[in-house]
Amino acid sequence: MANITVRNLSDQTKETLRMQAEQSALSLENHTRHLLQVAAEQPAVKAVDILTLAQHYFGPNGGVELDSPARGTKRQ
């Protein structure tokens, strides 16, 4: 089995993890191991192309259909 050392973890984060472990009736080590295993099983976040995202929300025409006002002048 592998080991990991986590450096520069804030005291607040460690205390939060310790309290969560206590509420789950687990040791801090077991609780942290469980969190890491769950996180590792999640699918990787894939990058989204901004053009694809825009077309999804606004459609191929840009999502805006406006009537152009009549052009002309009001002067006589």
C-alpha atoms as a PDB file:
ATOM      1  CA  MET A   1       0.000   0.000   0.000  1.00  0.00           C
ATOM      2  CA  ALA A   2       1.121   3.524  -0.754  1.00  0.00           C
ATOM      3  CA  ASN A   3       1.515   6.400   1.664  1.00  0.00           C
ATOM      4  CA  ILE A   4       0.801  10.091   1.126  1.00  0.00           C
ATOM      5  CA  THR A   5       1.994  13.021   3.193  1.00  0.00           C
ATOM      6  CA  VAL A   6      -0.071  16.189   2.964  1.00  0.00           C
ATOM      7  CA  ARG A   7       1.860  19.316   3.819  1.00  0.00           C
ATOM      8  CA  ASN A   8       0.606  22.834   4.515  1.00  0.00           C
ATOM      9  CA  LEU A   9      -2.900  21.726   5.452  1.00  0.00           C
ATOM     10  CA  SER A  10      -4.560  24.476   7.460  1.00  0.00           C
ATOM     11  CA  ASP A  11      -5.379  23.811  11.092  1.00  0.00           C
ATOM     12  CA  GLN A  12      -9.029  24.597  10.348  1.00  0.00           C
ATOM     13  CA  THR A  13      -9.168  21.975   7.581  1.00  0.00           C
ATOM     14  CA  LYS A  14      -7.581  19.347   9.811  1.00  0.00           C
ATOM     15  CA  GLU A  15     -10.004  20.153  12.620  1.00  0.00           C
ATOM     16  CA  THR A  16     -12.984  19.959  10.249  1.00  0.00           C
ATOM     17  CA  LEU A  17     -11.818  16.566   9.004  1.00  0.00           C
ATOM     18  CA  ARG A  18     -11.273  15.400  12.584  1.00  0.00           C
ATOM     19  CA  MET A  19     -14.820  16.430  13.572  1.00  0.00           C
ATOM     20  CA  GLN A  20     -16.292  14.715  10.483  1.00  0.00           C
ATOM     21  CA  ALA A  21     -14.347  11.563  11.330  1.00  0.00           C
ATOM     22  CA  GLU A  22     -15.601  11.652  14.894  1.00  0.00           C
ATOM     23  CA  GLN A  23     -19.217  12.022  13.737  1.00  0.00           C
ATOM     24  CA  SER A  24     -18.721   9.045  11.402  1.00  0.00           C
ATOM     25  CA  ALA A  25     -17.149   6.993  14.214  1.00  0.00           C
ATOM     26  CA  LEU A  26     -13.955   6.669  12.172  1.00  0.00           C
ATOM     27  CA  SER A  27     -10.376   7.566  12.835  1.00  0.00           C
ATOM     28  CA  LEU A  28      -9.075  10.648  11.076  1.00  0.00           C
ATOM     29  CA  GLU A  29      -6.909   8.394   8.916  1.00  0.00           C
ATOM     30  CA  ASN A  30      -9.811   6.120   7.886  1.00  0.00           C
ATOM     31  CA  HIS A  31     -12.101   9.067   7.197  1.00  0.00           C
ATOM     32  CA  THR A  32      -9.478  10.816   5.057  1.00  0.00           C
ATOM     33  CA  ARG A  33      -8.750   7.564   3.206  1.00  0.00           C
ATOM     34  CA  HIS A  34     -12.466   7.187   2.461  1.00  0.00           C
ATOM     35  CA  LEU A  35     -12.707  10.778   1.150  1.00  0.00           C
ATOM     36  CA  LEU A  36      -9.703  10.253  -1.117  1.00  0.00           C
ATOM     37  CA  GLN A  37     -11.090   6.974  -2.464  1.00  0.00           C
ATOM     38  CA  VAL A  38     -14.465   8.563  -3.247  1.00  0.00           C
ATOM     39  CA  ALA A  39     -12.789  11.542  -4.946  1.00  0.00           C
ATOM     40  CA  ALA A  40     -10.525   9.263  -7.002  1.00  0.00           C
ATOM     41  CA  GLU A  41     -13.517   7.295  -8.298  1.00  0.00           C
ATOM     42  CA  GLN A  42     -15.216  10.410  -9.689  1.00  0.00           C
ATOM     43  CA  PRO A  43     -14.865  10.929 -13.430  1.00  0.00           C
ATOM     44  CA  ALA A  44     -12.326  13.531 -14.442  1.00  0.00           C
ATOM     45  CA  VAL A  45     -13.727  16.950 -15.224  1.00  0.00           C
ATOM     46  CA  LYS A  46     -13.414  17.498 -18.934  1.00  0.00           C
ATOM     47  CA  ALA A  47     -12.747  20.873 -20.442  1.00  0.00           C
ATOM     48  CA  VAL A  48     -15.620  22.574 -22.216  1.00  0.00           C
ATOM     49  CA  ASP A  49     -15.078  24.375 -25.498  1.00  0.00           C
ATOM     50  CA  ILE A  50     -16.536  27.880 -25.151  1.00  0.00           C
ATOM     51  CA  LEU A  51     -17.934  27.802 -28.700  1.00  0.00           C
ATOM     52  CA  THR A  52     -19.775  24.529 -28.026  1.00  0.00           C
ATOM     53  CA  LEU A  53     -21.134  25.949 -24.783  1.00  0.00           C
ATOM     54  CA  ALA A  54     -22.342  29.134 -26.516  1.00  0.00           C
ATOM     55  CA  GLN A  55     -24.048  27.146 -29.281  1.00  0.00           C
ATOM     56  CA  HIS A  56     -25.734  24.972 -26.663  1.00  0.00           C
ATOM     57  CA  TYR A  57     -27.251  27.982 -24.908  1.00  0.00           C
ATOM     58  CA  PHE A  58     -27.756  30.381 -27.811  1.00  0.00           C
ATOM     59  CA  GLY A  59     -28.154  28.103 -30.832  1.00  0.00           C
ATOM     60  CA  PRO A  60     -26.395  28.293 -34.176  1.00  0.00           C
ATOM     61  CA  ASN A  61     -27.828  31.771 -34.932  1.00  0.00           C
ATOM     62  CA  GLY A  62     -26.449  33.338 -31.801  1.00  0.00           C
ATOM     63  CA  GLY A  63     -29.766  33.002 -29.975  1.00  0.00           C
ATOM     64  CA  VAL A  64     -31.021  36.476 -30.847  1.00  0.00           C
ATOM     65  CA  GLU A  65     -33.569  37.246 -33.542  1.00  0.00           C
ATOM     66  CA  LEU A  66     -34.312  40.969 -33.657  1.00  0.00           C
ATOM     67  CA  ASP A  67     -36.318  42.962 -36.170  1.00  0.00           C
ATOM     68  CA  SER A  68     -34.275  45.819 -37.548  1.00  0.00           C
ATOM     69  CA  PRO A  69     -36.006  49.173 -37.360  1.00  0.00           C
ATOM     70  CA  ALA A  70     -36.848  50.894 -40.629  1.00  0.00           C
ATOM     71  CA  ARG A  71     -34.050  53.184 -41.711  1.00  0.00           C
ATOM     72  CA  GLY A  72     -34.734  56.620 -42.887  1.00  0.00           C
ATOM     73  CA  THR A  73     -35.083  60.190 -41.787  1.00  0.00           C
ATOM     74  CA  LYS A  74     -37.964  62.127 -40.314  1.00  0.00           C
ATOM     75  CA  ARG A  75     -36.814  65.354 -41.976  1.00  0.00           C
ATOM     76  CA  GLN A  76     -38.795  66.798 -44.809  1.00  0.00           C
END
